[in-house]
Amino acid sequence: MELKKLPYRFSVCKVSDIAAVDLHKDFYFIGRTDEELSLVCRTEDVPEHTAARDDGWRGFRIQGVLDFSLIGILSKLSAILAEHKIGIFAVSTYNTDYILVKEADFERALRALADKGYTVTD
């Protein structure tokens, strides 16, 4: 399985108003529940006013379109990283999964996955 490094720095935020998010930017995830409105975006694209934010994330994606019948992909990746004491922030889209780790753990995470047979590309 191929993992593609993303060249961005990410931030995870809580925002109070969706209007503060520039929906024309090329990379963001928005999650809304009855309790919060969360945003994951490139650090340089964080809205001016956030209720909370956590900077310093890097990420990679599983290459290709994942069929919904596939089971355990994210579980296997997260288990490998957990063995190495690396926390994750996972985001899933219709096509694939994205995994973010803190920047200090990024290269170590990619080495751990490569050691388990995953191909990591730029």
PDB file of N, CA and C in Angstrom:
ATOM      1  N   MET A   1       0.846  -1.173   0.000  1.00  0.00           N
ATOM      2  CA  MET A   1       0.000   0.000   0.000  1.00  0.00           C
ATOM      3  C   MET A   1       0.888   1.231   0.000  1.00  0.00           C
ATOM      4  N   GLU A   2       0.487   2.233  -0.769  1.00  0.00           N
ATOM      5  CA  GLU A   2       1.291   3.439  -0.915  1.00  0.00           C
ATOM      6  C   GLU A   2       0.723   4.578  -0.080  1.00  0.00           C
ATOM      7  N   LEU A   3       1.620   5.262   0.618  1.00  0.00           N
ATOM      8  CA  LEU A   3       1.277   6.429   1.408  1.00  0.00           C
ATOM      9  C   LEU A   3       1.978   7.628   0.802  1.00  0.00           C
ATOM     10  N   LYS A   4       1.258   8.720   0.631  1.00  0.00           N
ATOM     11  CA  LYS A   4       1.844   9.929   0.043  1.00  0.00           C
ATOM     12  C   LYS A   4       1.984  11.009   1.106  1.00  0.00           C
ATOM     13  N   LYS A   5       3.226  11.469   1.290  1.00  0.00           N
ATOM     14  CA  LYS A   5       3.474  12.569   2.216  1.00  0.00           C
ATOM     15  C   LYS A   5       2.816  13.833   1.669  1.00  0.00           C
ATOM     16  N   LEU A   6       2.190  14.579   2.538  1.00  0.00           N
ATOM     17  CA  LEU A   6       1.623  15.871   2.155  1.00  0.00           C
ATOM     18  C   LEU A   6       2.630  16.957   2.518  1.00  0.00           C
ATOM     19  N   PRO A   7       2.858  17.925   1.624  1.00  0.00           N
ATOM     20  CA  PRO A   7       3.922  18.906   1.844  1.00  0.00           C
ATOM     21  C   PRO A   7       3.537  20.073   2.744  1.00  0.00           C
ATOM     22  N   TYR A   8       2.416  19.989   3.434  1.00  0.00           N
ATOM     23  CA  TYR A   8       1.903  21.112   4.205  1.00  0.00           C
ATOM     24  C   TYR A   8       2.101  20.925   5.701  1.00  0.00           C
ATOM     25  N   ARG A   9       2.026  22.029   6.424  1.00  0.00           N
ATOM     26  CA  ARG A   9       1.873  22.032   7.875  1.00  0.00           C
ATOM     27  C   ARG A   9       0.387  22.252   8.116  1.00  0.00           C
ATOM     28  N   PHE A  10      -0.181  21.503   9.075  1.00  0.00           N
ATOM     29  CA  PHE A  10      -1.613  21.598   9.350  1.00  0.00           C
ATOM     30  C   PHE A  10      -1.884  22.112  10.745  1.00  0.00           C
ATOM     31  N   SER A  11      -3.085  22.655  10.914  1.00  0.00           N
ATOM     32  CA  SER A  11      -3.605  23.056  12.210  1.00  0.00           C
ATOM     33  C   SER A  11      -4.987  22.436  12.372  1.00  0.00           C
ATOM     34  N   VAL A  12      -5.315  22.097  13.607  1.00  0.00           N
ATOM     35  CA  VAL A  12      -6.625  21.571  13.966  1.00  0.00           C
ATOM     36  C   VAL A  12      -7.278  22.640  14.835  1.00  0.00           C
ATOM     37  N   CYS A  13      -8.469  23.066  14.437  1.00  0.00           N
ATOM     38  CA  CYS A  13      -9.099  24.215  15.092  1.00  0.00           C
ATOM     39  C   CYS A  13     -10.556  23.961  15.432  1.00  0.00           C
ATOM     40  N   LYS A  14     -11.046  24.761  16.383  1.00  0.00           N
ATOM     41  CA  LYS A  14     -12.472  24.885  16.630  1.00  0.00           C
ATOM     42  C   LYS A  14     -12.857  26.295  16.212  1.00  0.00           C
ATOM     43  N   VAL A  15     -13.864  26.389  15.379  1.00  0.00           N
ATOM     44  CA  VAL A  15     -14.346  27.704  14.947  1.00  0.00           C
ATOM     45  C   VAL A  15     -15.806  27.847  15.353  1.00  0.00           C
ATOM     46  N   SER A  16     -16.220  29.082  15.532  1.00  0.00           N
ATOM     47  CA  SER A  16     -17.600  29.303  15.954  1.00  0.00           C
ATOM     48  C   SER A  16     -18.510  29.660  14.789  1.00  0.00           C
ATOM     49  N   ASP A  17     -17.917  30.030  13.645  1.00  0.00           N
ATOM     50  CA  ASP A  17     -18.728  30.467  12.516  1.00  0.00           C
ATOM     51  C   ASP A  17     -18.113  29.942  11.215  1.00  0.00           C
ATOM     52  N   ILE A  18     -18.896  29.197  10.466  1.00  0.00           N
ATOM     53  CA  ILE A  18     -18.413  28.650   9.188  1.00  0.00           C
ATOM     54  C   ILE A  18     -18.044  29.756   8.205  1.00  0.00           C
ATOM     55  N   ALA A  19     -18.637  30.923   8.365  1.00  0.00           N
ATOM     56  CA  ALA A  19     -18.323  32.043   7.468  1.00  0.00           C
ATOM     57  C   ALA A  19     -16.867  32.476   7.597  1.00  0.00           C
ATOM     58  N   ALA A  20     -16.225  32.141   8.702  1.00  0.00           N
ATOM     59  CA  ALA A  20     -14.819  32.494   8.893  1.00  0.00           C
ATOM     60  C   ALA A  20     -13.876  31.611   8.079  1.00  0.00           C
ATOM     61  N   VAL A  21     -14.383  30.505   7.552  1.00  0.00           N
ATOM     62  CA  VAL A  21     -13.558  29.559   6.805  1.00  0.00           C
ATOM     63  C   VAL A  21     -13.603  29.921   5.327  1.00  0.00           C
ATOM     64  N   ASP A  22     -12.438  30.089   4.724  1.00  0.00           N
ATOM     65  CA  ASP A  22     -12.364  30.391   3.295  1.00  0.00           C
ATOM     66  C   ASP A  22     -12.520  29.080   2.525  1.00  0.00           C
ATOM     67  N   LEU A  23     -13.712  28.853   2.022  1.00  0.00           N
ATOM     68  CA  LEU A  23     -14.013  27.604   1.326  1.00  0.00           C
ATOM     69  C   LEU A  23     -13.368  27.498  -0.051  1.00  0.00           C
ATOM     70  N   HIS A  24     -12.644  28.512  -0.459  1.00  0.00           N
ATOM     71  CA  HIS A  24     -11.944  28.481  -1.745  1.00  0.00           C
ATOM     72  C   HIS A  24     -10.521  27.943  -1.613  1.00  0.00           C
ATOM     73  N   LYS A  25     -10.073  27.743  -0.400  1.00  0.00           N
ATOM     74  CA  LYS A  25      -8.734  27.192  -0.195  1.00  0.00           C
ATOM     75  C   LYS A  25      -8.707  25.750  -0.683  1.00  0.00           C
ATOM     76  N   ASP A  26      -7.522  25.254  -0.996  1.00  0.00           N
ATOM     77  CA  ASP A  26      -7.435  23.949  -1.660  1.00  0.00           C
ATOM     78  C   ASP A  26      -7.373  22.744  -0.734  1.00  0.00           C
ATOM     79  N   PHE A  27      -7.247  22.961   0.577  1.00  0.00           N
ATOM     80  CA  PHE A  27      -7.113  21.798   1.445  1.00  0.00           C
ATOM     81  C   PHE A  27      -7.677  22.115   2.821  1.00  0.00           C
ATOM     82  N   TYR A  28      -8.830  21.546   3.123  1.00  0.00           N
ATOM     83  CA  TYR A  28      -9.411  21.670   4.450  1.00  0.00           C
ATOM     84  C   TYR A  28     -10.447  20.578   4.667  1.00  0.00           C
ATOM     85  N   PHE A  29     -10.677  20.270   5.932  1.00  0.00           N
ATOM     86  CA  PHE A  29     -11.718  19.335   6.349  1.00  0.00           C
ATOM     87  C   PHE A  29     -12.560  20.058   7.389  1.00  0.00           C
ATOM     88  N   ILE A  30     -13.857  19.953   7.268  1.00  0.00           N
ATOM     89  CA  ILE A  30     -14.758  20.562   8.240  1.00  0.00           C
ATOM     90  C   ILE A  30     -15.633  19.461   8.815  1.00  0.00           C
ATOM     91  N   GLY A  31     -15.761  19.464  10.128  1.00  0.00           N
ATOM     92  CA  GLY A  31     -16.643  18.530  10.810  1.00  0.00           C
ATOM     93  C   GLY A  31     -17.564  19.302  11.741  1.00  0.00           C
ATOM     94  N   ARG A  32     -18.840  19.033  11.632  1.00  0.00           N
ATOM     95  CA  ARG A  32     -19.800  19.721  12.484  1.00  0.00           C
ATOM     96  C   ARG A  32     -20.637  18.687  13.216  1.00  0.00           C
ATOM     97  N   THR A  33     -20.769  18.879  14.521  1.00  0.00           N
ATOM     98  CA  THR A  33     -21.643  18.037  15.334  1.00  0.00           C
ATOM     99  C   THR A  33     -22.552  18.957  16.141  1.00  0.00           C
ATOM    100  N   ASP A  34     -23.344  18.364  16.997  1.00  0.00           N
ATOM    101  CA  ASP A  34     -24.199  19.183  17.855  1.00  0.00           C
ATOM    102  C   ASP A  34     -23.391  19.911  18.927  1.00  0.00           C
ATOM    103  N   GLU A  35     -22.107  19.587  19.066  1.00  0.00           N
ATOM    104  CA  GLU A  35     -21.267  20.202  20.089  1.00  0.00           C
ATOM    105  C   GLU A  35     -20.189  21.130  19.570  1.00  0.00           C
ATOM    106  N   GLU A  36     -19.789  20.984  18.308  1.00  0.00           N
ATOM    107  CA  GLU A  36     -18.668  21.796  17.834  1.00  0.00           C
ATOM    108  C   GLU A  36     -18.612  21.870  16.310  1.00  0.00           C
ATOM    109  N   LEU A  37     -17.810  22.815  15.859  1.00  0.00           N
ATOM    110  CA  LEU A  37     -17.467  22.973  14.454  1.00  0.00           C
ATOM    111  C   LEU A  37     -15.949  22.926  14.379  1.00  0.00           C
ATOM    112  N   SER A  38     -15.428  21.850  13.818  1.00  0.00           N
ATOM    113  CA  SER A  38     -13.980  21.643  13.751  1.00  0.00           C
ATOM    114  C   SER A  38     -13.466  21.870  12.345  1.00  0.00           C
ATOM    115  N   LEU A  39     -12.244  22.307  12.264  1.00  0.00           N
ATOM    116  CA  LEU A  39     -11.597  22.587  10.990  1.00  0.00           C
ATOM    117  C   LEU A  39     -10.173  22.059  11.043  1.00  0.00           C
ATOM    118  N   VAL A  40      -9.779  21.343   9.997  1.00  0.00           N
ATOM    119  CA  VAL A  40      -8.385  20.968   9.789  1.00  0.00           C
ATOM    120  C   VAL A  40      -7.980  21.639   8.481  1.00  0.00           C
ATOM    121  N   CYS A  41      -6.924  22.427   8.528  1.00  0.00           N
ATOM    122  CA  CYS A  41      -6.505  23.144   7.322  1.00  0.00           C
ATOM    123  C   CYS A  41      -5.002  23.411   7.368  1.00  0.00           C
ATOM    124  N   ARG A  42      -4.498  23.892   6.249  1.00  0.00           N
ATOM    125  CA  ARG A  42      -3.108  24.310   6.228  1.00  0.00           C
ATOM    126  C   ARG A  42      -2.939  25.428   7.253  1.00  0.00           C
ATOM    127  N   THR A  43      -1.835  25.420   7.950  1.00  0.00           N
ATOM    128  CA  THR A  43      -1.623  26.390   9.026  1.00  0.00           C
ATOM    129  C   THR A  43      -1.763  27.825   8.537  1.00  0.00           C
ATOM    130  N   GLU A  44      -1.282  28.104   7.352  1.00  0.00           N
ATOM    131  CA  GLU A  44      -1.366  29.479   6.847  1.00  0.00           C
ATOM    132  C   GLU A  44      -2.805  29.887   6.503  1.00  0.00           C
ATOM    133  N   ASP A  45      -3.727  28.925   6.474  1.00  0.00           N
ATOM    134  CA  ASP A  45      -5.119  29.218   6.129  1.00  0.00           C
ATOM    135  C   ASP A  45      -6.062  29.236   7.334  1.00  0.00           C
ATOM    136  N   VAL A  46      -5.517  29.152   8.546  1.00  0.00           N
ATOM    137  CA  VAL A  46      -6.367  29.192   9.740  1.00  0.00           C
ATOM    138  C   VAL A  46      -7.089  30.541   9.786  1.00  0.00           C
ATOM    139  N   PRO A  47      -8.402  30.523  10.024  1.00  0.00           N
ATOM    140  CA  PRO A  47      -9.128  31.793  10.134  1.00  0.00           C
ATOM    141  C   PRO A  47      -8.573  32.657  11.263  1.00  0.00           C
ATOM    142  N   GLU A  48      -8.774  33.946  11.145  1.00  0.00           N
ATOM    143  CA  GLU A  48      -8.228  34.891  12.118  1.00  0.00           C
ATOM    144  C   GLU A  48      -8.730  34.628  13.533  1.00  0.00           C
ATOM    145  N   HIS A  49     -10.014  34.310  13.671  1.00  0.00           N
ATOM    146  CA  HIS A  49     -10.587  34.093  14.998  1.00  0.00           C
ATOM    147  C   HIS A  49     -11.004  32.629  15.134  1.00  0.00           C
ATOM    148  N   THR A  50     -10.373  31.925  16.064  1.00  0.00           N
ATOM    149  CA  THR A  50     -10.736  30.542  16.359  1.00  0.00           C
ATOM    150  C   THR A  50     -11.008  30.420  17.858  1.00  0.00           C
ATOM    151  N   ALA A  51     -11.868  29.482  18.222  1.00  0.00           N
ATOM    152  CA  ALA A  51     -12.142  29.238  19.642  1.00  0.00           C
ATOM    153  C   ALA A  51     -10.973  28.481  20.279  1.00  0.00           C
ATOM    154  N   ALA A  52     -10.295  27.664  19.479  1.00  0.00           N
ATOM    155  CA  ALA A  52      -9.117  26.908  19.924  1.00  0.00           C
ATOM    156  C   ALA A  52      -8.373  26.453  18.682  1.00  0.00           C
ATOM    157  N   ARG A  53      -7.071  26.255  18.838  1.00  0.00           N
ATOM    158  CA  ARG A  53      -6.297  25.744  17.702  1.00  0.00           C
ATOM    159  C   ARG A  53      -5.072  25.014  18.200  1.00  0.00           C
ATOM    160  N   ASP A  54      -4.669  24.009  17.421  1.00  0.00           N
ATOM    161  CA  ASP A  54      -3.475  23.236  17.727  1.00  0.00           C
ATOM    162  C   ASP A  54      -2.663  23.140  16.444  1.00  0.00           C
ATOM    163  N   ASP A  55      -1.519  23.782  16.417  1.00  0.00           N
ATOM    164  CA  ASP A  55      -0.641  23.796  15.247  1.00  0.00           C
ATOM    165  C   ASP A  55       0.366  22.655  15.340  1.00  0.00           C
ATOM    166  N   GLY A  56       1.165  22.517  14.290  1.00  0.00           N
ATOM    167  CA  GLY A  56       2.289  21.591  14.336  1.00  0.00           C
ATOM    168  C   GLY A  56       1.978  20.176  13.874  1.00  0.00           C
ATOM    169  N   TRP A  57       1.053  20.021  12.954  1.00  0.00           N
ATOM    170  CA  TRP A  57       0.698  18.703  12.428  1.00  0.00           C
ATOM    171  C   TRP A  57       1.247  18.542  11.015  1.00  0.00           C
ATOM    172  N   ARG A  58       1.643  17.332  10.674  1.00  0.00           N
ATOM    173  CA  ARG A  58       2.029  16.939   9.319  1.00  0.00           C
ATOM    174  C   ARG A  58       1.188  15.733   8.949  1.00  0.00           C
ATOM    175  N   GLY A  59       1.086  15.439   7.652  1.00  0.00           N
ATOM    176  CA  GLY A  59       0.205  14.355   7.277  1.00  0.00           C
ATOM    177  C   GLY A  59       0.611  13.591   6.034  1.00  0.00           C
ATOM    178  N   PHE A  60      -0.104  12.490   5.845  1.00  0.00           N
ATOM    179  CA  PHE A  60       0.023  11.681   4.636  1.00  0.00           C
ATOM    180  C   PHE A  60      -1.331  11.070   4.339  1.00  0.00           C
ATOM    181  N   ARG A  61      -1.493  10.655   3.102  1.00  0.00           N
ATOM    182  CA  ARG A  61      -2.749  10.020   2.701  1.00  0.00           C
ATOM    183  C   ARG A  61      -2.477   8.654   2.123  1.00  0.00           C
ATOM    184  N   ILE A  62      -3.468   7.806   2.210  1.00  0.00           N
ATOM    185  CA  ILE A  62      -3.402   6.509   1.561  1.00  0.00           C
ATOM    186  C   ILE A  62      -3.741   6.751   0.098  1.00  0.00           C
ATOM    187  N   GLN A  63      -2.831   6.390  -0.786  1.00  0.00           N
ATOM    188  CA  GLN A  63      -3.015   6.647  -2.209  1.00  0.00           C
ATOM    189  C   GLN A  63      -4.090   5.745  -2.801  1.00  0.00           C
ATOM    190  N   GLY A  64      -4.816   6.285  -3.749  1.00  0.00           N
ATOM    191  CA  GLY A  64      -5.838   5.528  -4.451  1.00  0.00           C
ATOM    192  C   GLY A  64      -7.190   5.687  -3.792  1.00  0.00           C
ATOM    193  N   VAL A  65      -8.183   5.179  -4.468  1.00  0.00           N
ATOM    194  CA  VAL A  65      -9.550   5.213  -3.958  1.00  0.00           C
ATOM    195  C   VAL A  65      -9.796   3.915  -3.204  1.00  0.00           C
ATOM    196  N   LEU A  66     -10.208   4.024  -1.955  1.00  0.00           N
ATOM    197  CA  LEU A  66     -10.450   2.865  -1.111  1.00  0.00           C
ATOM    198  C   LEU A  66     -11.920   2.455  -1.212  1.00  0.00           C
ATOM    199  N   ASP A  67     -12.142   1.219  -1.516  1.00  0.00           N
ATOM    200  CA  ASP A  67     -13.498   0.693  -1.576  1.00  0.00           C
ATOM    201  C   ASP A  67     -14.050   0.579  -0.153  1.00  0.00           C
ATOM    202  N   PHE A  68     -15.328   0.869   0.011  1.00  0.00           N
ATOM    203  CA  PHE A  68     -15.933   0.811   1.340  1.00  0.00           C
ATOM    204  C   PHE A  68     -15.937  -0.594   1.929  1.00  0.00           C
ATOM    205  N   SER A  69     -15.744  -1.604   1.108  1.00  0.00           N
ATOM    206  CA  SER A  69     -15.735  -2.975   1.628  1.00  0.00           C
ATOM    207  C   SER A  69     -14.391  -3.352   2.257  1.00  0.00           C
ATOM    208  N   LEU A  70     -13.374  -2.522   2.047  1.00  0.00           N
ATOM    209  CA  LEU A  70     -12.065  -2.801   2.657  1.00  0.00           C
ATOM    210  C   LEU A  70     -12.147  -2.581   4.161  1.00  0.00           C
ATOM    211  N   ILE A  71     -11.590  -3.501   4.908  1.00  0.00           N
ATOM    212  CA  ILE A  71     -11.704  -3.456   6.365  1.00  0.00           C
ATOM    213  C   ILE A  71     -10.316  -3.412   6.993  1.00  0.00           C
ATOM    214  N   GLY A  72     -10.146  -2.536   7.976  1.00  0.00           N
ATOM    215  CA  GLY A  72      -8.951  -2.549   8.803  1.00  0.00           C
ATOM    216  C   GLY A  72      -7.770  -1.743   8.325  1.00  0.00           C
ATOM    217  N   ILE A  73      -7.900  -0.991   7.260  1.00  0.00           N
ATOM    218  CA  ILE A  73      -6.745  -0.240   6.749  1.00  0.00           C
ATOM    219  C   ILE A  73      -6.280   0.791   7.765  1.00  0.00           C
ATOM    220  N   LEU A  74      -7.179   1.621   8.211  1.00  0.00           N
ATOM    221  CA  LEU A  74      -6.828   2.648   9.182  1.00  0.00           C
ATOM    222  C   LEU A  74      -6.407   2.018  10.510  1.00  0.00           C
ATOM    223  N   SER A  75      -7.046   0.924  10.867  1.00  0.00           N
ATOM    224  CA  SER A  75      -6.710   0.211  12.099  1.00  0.00           C
ATOM    225  C   SER A  75      -5.268  -0.291  12.072  1.00  0.00           C
ATOM    226  N   LYS A  76      -4.844  -0.853  10.948  1.00  0.00           N
ATOM    227  CA  LYS A  76      -3.473  -1.375  10.848  1.00  0.00           C
ATOM    228  C   LYS A  76      -2.444  -0.255  10.937  1.00  0.00           C
ATOM    229  N   LEU A  77      -2.711   0.834  10.238  1.00  0.00           N
ATOM    230  CA  LEU A  77      -1.788   1.967  10.278  1.00  0.00           C
ATOM    231  C   LEU A  77      -1.697   2.551  11.689  1.00  0.00           C
ATOM    232  N   SER A  78      -2.844   2.745  12.309  1.00  0.00           N
ATOM    233  CA  SER A  78      -2.836   3.347  13.647  1.00  0.00           C
ATOM    234  C   SER A  78      -2.191   2.409  14.665  1.00  0.00           C
ATOM    235  N   ALA A  79      -2.334   1.103  14.497  1.00  0.00           N
ATOM    236  CA  ALA A  79      -1.702   0.150  15.415  1.00  0.00           C
ATOM    237  C   ALA A  79      -0.181   0.226  15.319  1.00  0.00           C
ATOM    238  N   ILE A  80       0.335   0.332  14.106  1.00  0.00           N
ATOM    239  CA  ILE A  80       1.791   0.454  13.931  1.00  0.00           C
ATOM    240  C   ILE A  80       2.286   1.718  14.615  1.00  0.00           C
ATOM    241  N   LEU A  81       1.581   2.812  14.408  1.00  0.00           N
ATOM    242  CA  LEU A  81       2.007   4.072  15.018  1.00  0.00           C
ATOM    243  C   LEU A  81       1.845   4.026  16.541  1.00  0.00           C
ATOM    244  N   ALA A  82       0.809   3.384  17.020  1.00  0.00           N
ATOM    245  CA  ALA A  82       0.619   3.255  18.469  1.00  0.00           C
ATOM    246  C   ALA A  82       1.761   2.451  19.094  1.00  0.00           C
ATOM    247  N   GLU A  83       2.231   1.411  18.398  1.00  0.00           N
ATOM    248  CA  GLU A  83       3.374   0.632  18.896  1.00  0.00           C
ATOM    249  C   GLU A  83       4.592   1.515  19.112  1.00  0.00           C
ATOM    250  N   HIS A  84       4.690   2.583  18.311  1.00  0.00           N
ATOM    251  CA  HIS A  84       5.825   3.502  18.396  1.00  0.00           C
ATOM    252  C   HIS A  84       5.486   4.748  19.217  1.00  0.00           C
ATOM    253  N   LYS A  85       4.370   4.682  19.935  1.00  0.00           N
ATOM    254  CA  LYS A  85       3.942   5.785  20.805  1.00  0.00           C
ATOM    255  C   LYS A  85       3.734   7.084  20.028  1.00  0.00           C
ATOM    256  N   ILE A  86       3.138   6.957  18.838  1.00  0.00           N
ATOM    257  CA  ILE A  86       2.852   8.119  18.003  1.00  0.00           C
ATOM    258  C   ILE A  86       1.342   8.274  17.904  1.00  0.00           C
ATOM    259  N   GLY A  87       0.846   9.391  18.421  1.00  0.00           N
ATOM    260  CA  GLY A  87      -0.579   9.687  18.354  1.00  0.00           C
ATOM    261  C   GLY A  87      -0.968  10.167  16.961  1.00  0.00           C
ATOM    262  N   ILE A  88      -2.224   9.957  16.600  1.00  0.00           N
ATOM    263  CA  ILE A  88      -2.692  10.354  15.276  1.00  0.00           C
ATOM    264  C   ILE A  88      -3.960  11.187  15.372  1.00  0.00           C
ATOM    265  N   PHE A  89      -4.226  11.909  14.308  1.00  0.00           N
ATOM    266  CA  PHE A  89      -5.501  12.575  14.060  1.00  0.00           C
ATOM    267  C   PHE A  89      -5.900  12.105  12.670  1.00  0.00           C
ATOM    268  N   ALA A  90      -6.930  11.316  12.572  1.00  0.00           N
ATOM    269  CA  ALA A  90      -7.333  10.726  11.289  1.00  0.00           C
ATOM    270  C   ALA A  90      -8.547  11.453  10.717  1.00  0.00           C
ATOM    271  N   VAL A  91      -8.545  11.597   9.404  1.00  0.00           N
ATOM    272  CA  VAL A  91      -9.670  12.185   8.685  1.00  0.00           C
ATOM    273  C   VAL A  91      -9.961  11.283   7.494  1.00  0.00           C
ATOM    274  N   SER A  92     -11.217  10.957   7.324  1.00  0.00           N
ATOM    275  CA  SER A  92     -11.612  10.133   6.186  1.00  0.00           C
ATOM    276  C   SER A  92     -12.471  10.940   5.225  1.00  0.00           C
ATOM    277  N   THR A  93     -12.246  10.705   3.945  1.00  0.00           N
ATOM    278  CA  THR A  93     -13.070  11.306   2.909  1.00  0.00           C
ATOM    279  C   THR A  93     -13.767  10.175   2.152  1.00  0.00           C
ATOM    280  N   TYR A  94     -14.527  10.519   1.161  1.00  0.00           N
ATOM    281  CA  TYR A  94     -15.203   9.501   0.366  1.00  0.00           C
ATOM    282  C   TYR A  94     -14.192   8.559  -0.282  1.00  0.00           C
ATOM    283  N   ASN A  95     -13.077   9.111  -0.773  1.00  0.00           N
ATOM    284  CA  ASN A  95     -12.092   8.321  -1.508  1.00  0.00           C
ATOM    285  C   ASN A  95     -11.067   7.599  -0.649  1.00  0.00           C
ATOM    286  N   THR A  96     -10.605   8.240   0.415  1.00  0.00           N
ATOM    287  CA  THR A  96      -9.458   7.685   1.133  1.00  0.00           C
ATOM    288  C   THR A  96      -9.367   8.195   2.562  1.00  0.00           C
ATOM    289  N   ASP A  97      -8.277   7.851   3.229  1.00  0.00           N
ATOM    290  CA  ASP A  97      -8.036   8.290   4.602  1.00  0.00           C
ATOM    291  C   ASP A  97      -6.762   9.125   4.650  1.00  0.00           C
ATOM    292  N   TYR A  98      -6.762  10.071   5.565  1.00  0.00           N
ATOM    293  CA  TYR A  98      -5.616  10.929   5.829  1.00  0.00           C
ATOM    294  C   TYR A  98      -5.232  10.734   7.282  1.00  0.00           C
ATOM    295  N   ILE A  99      -3.939  10.685   7.540  1.00  0.00           N
ATOM    296  CA  ILE A  99      -3.462  10.576   8.915  1.00  0.00           C
ATOM    297  C   ILE A  99      -2.513  11.736   9.180  1.00  0.00           C
ATOM    298  N   LEU A 100      -2.793  12.445  10.263  1.00  0.00           N
ATOM    299  CA  LEU A 100      -1.927  13.527  10.716  1.00  0.00           C
ATOM    300  C   LEU A 100      -1.237  13.084  11.989  1.00  0.00           C
ATOM    301  N   VAL A 101       0.016  13.461  12.108  1.00  0.00           N
ATOM    302  CA  VAL A 101       0.789  13.234  13.329  1.00  0.00           C
ATOM    303  C   VAL A 101       1.497  14.542  13.658  1.00  0.00           C
ATOM    304  N   LYS A 102       1.894  14.679  14.892  1.00  0.00           N
ATOM    305  CA  LYS A 102       2.630  15.882  15.256  1.00  0.00           C
ATOM    306  C   LYS A 102       3.936  15.929  14.472  1.00  0.00           C
ATOM    307  N   GLU A 103       4.340  17.142  14.110  1.00  0.00           N
ATOM    308  CA  GLU A 103       5.508  17.325  13.255  1.00  0.00           C
ATOM    309  C   GLU A 103       6.761  16.659  13.822  1.00  0.00           C
ATOM    310  N   ALA A 104       6.921  16.689  15.124  1.00  0.00           N
ATOM    311  CA  ALA A 104       8.100  16.081  15.750  1.00  0.00           C
ATOM    312  C   ALA A 104       8.150  14.570  15.539  1.00  0.00           C
ATOM    313  N   ASP A 105       6.998  13.949  15.275  1.00  0.00           N
ATOM    314  CA  ASP A 105       6.924  12.497  15.086  1.00  0.00           C
ATOM    315  C   ASP A 105       6.822  12.074  13.616  1.00  0.00           C
ATOM    316  N   PHE A 106       6.747  13.032  12.708  1.00  0.00           N
ATOM    317  CA  PHE A 106       6.415  12.742  11.313  1.00  0.00           C
ATOM    318  C   PHE A 106       7.397  11.776  10.649  1.00  0.00           C
ATOM    319  N   GLU A 107       8.665  12.082  10.665  1.00  0.00           N
ATOM    320  CA  GLU A 107       9.647  11.224   9.993  1.00  0.00           C
ATOM    321  C   GLU A 107       9.733   9.858  10.666  1.00  0.00           C
ATOM    322  N   ARG A 108       9.644   9.839  11.983  1.00  0.00           N
ATOM    323  CA  ARG A 108       9.658   8.572  12.716  1.00  0.00           C
ATOM    324  C   ARG A 108       8.438   7.727  12.358  1.00  0.00           C
ATOM    325  N   ALA A 109       7.292   8.361  12.181  1.00  0.00           N
ATOM    326  CA  ALA A 109       6.075   7.645  11.789  1.00  0.00           C
ATOM    327  C   ALA A 109       6.236   7.036  10.398  1.00  0.00           C
ATOM    328  N   LEU A 110       6.776   7.797   9.481  1.00  0.00           N
ATOM    329  CA  LEU A 110       6.952   7.292   8.117  1.00  0.00           C
ATOM    330  C   LEU A 110       7.957   6.138   8.080  1.00  0.00           C
ATOM    331  N   ARG A 111       9.024   6.228   8.871  1.00  0.00           N
ATOM    332  CA  ARG A 111       9.997   5.122   8.939  1.00  0.00           C
ATOM    333  C   ARG A 111       9.346   3.869   9.511  1.00  0.00           C
ATOM    334  N   ALA A 112       8.542   4.030  10.554  1.00  0.00           N
ATOM    335  CA  ALA A 112       7.877   2.879  11.173  1.00  0.00           C
ATOM    336  C   ALA A 112       6.954   2.192  10.169  1.00  0.00           C
ATOM    337  N   LEU A 113       6.242   2.970   9.387  1.00  0.00           N
ATOM    338  CA  LEU A 113       5.338   2.398   8.392  1.00  0.00           C
ATOM    339  C   LEU A 113       6.122   1.744   7.245  1.00  0.00           C
ATOM    340  N   ALA A 114       7.200   2.400   6.815  1.00  0.00           N
ATOM    341  CA  ALA A 114       8.030   1.821   5.757  1.00  0.00           C
ATOM    342  C   ALA A 114       8.639   0.506   6.231  1.00  0.00           C
ATOM    343  N   ASP A 115       9.045   0.430   7.479  1.00  0.00           N
ATOM    344  CA  ASP A 115       9.615  -0.802   8.034  1.00  0.00           C
ATOM    345  C   ASP A 115       8.598  -1.951   8.028  1.00  0.00           C
ATOM    346  N   LYS A 116       7.311  -1.627   8.011  1.00  0.00           N
ATOM    347  CA  LYS A 116       6.251  -2.634   7.988  1.00  0.00           C
ATOM    348  C   LYS A 116       5.760  -2.919   6.559  1.00  0.00           C
ATOM    349  N   GLY A 117       6.476  -2.389   5.564  1.00  0.00           N
ATOM    350  CA  GLY A 117       6.162  -2.709   4.178  1.00  0.00           C
ATOM    351  C   GLY A 117       5.369  -1.684   3.405  1.00  0.00           C
ATOM    352  N   TYR A 118       5.019  -0.563   4.016  1.00  0.00           N
ATOM    353  CA  TYR A 118       4.306   0.479   3.291  1.00  0.00           C
ATOM    354  C   TYR A 118       5.288   1.276   2.449  1.00  0.00           C
ATOM    355  N   THR A 119       4.869   1.663   1.258  1.00  0.00           N
ATOM    356  CA  THR A 119       5.672   2.507   0.388  1.00  0.00           C
ATOM    357  C   THR A 119       5.298   3.948   0.673  1.00  0.00           C
ATOM    358  N   VAL A 120       6.303   4.799   0.943  1.00  0.00           N
ATOM    359  CA  VAL A 120       6.073   6.208   1.246  1.00  0.00           C
ATOM    360  C   VAL A 120       6.660   7.043   0.115  1.00  0.00           C
ATOM    361  N   THR A 121       5.821   7.887  -0.483  1.00  0.00           N
ATOM    362  CA  THR A 121       6.274   8.725  -1.597  1.00  0.00           C
ATOM    363  C   THR A 121       6.074  10.199  -1.239  1.00  0.00           C
ATOM    364  N   ASP A 122       6.829  11.046  -1.951  1.00  0.00           N
ATOM    365  CA  ASP A 122       6.691  12.500  -1.769  1.00  0.00           C
ATOM    366  C   ASP A 122       5.553  13.048  -2.576  1.00  0.00           C
TER     367      ASP A 122
END
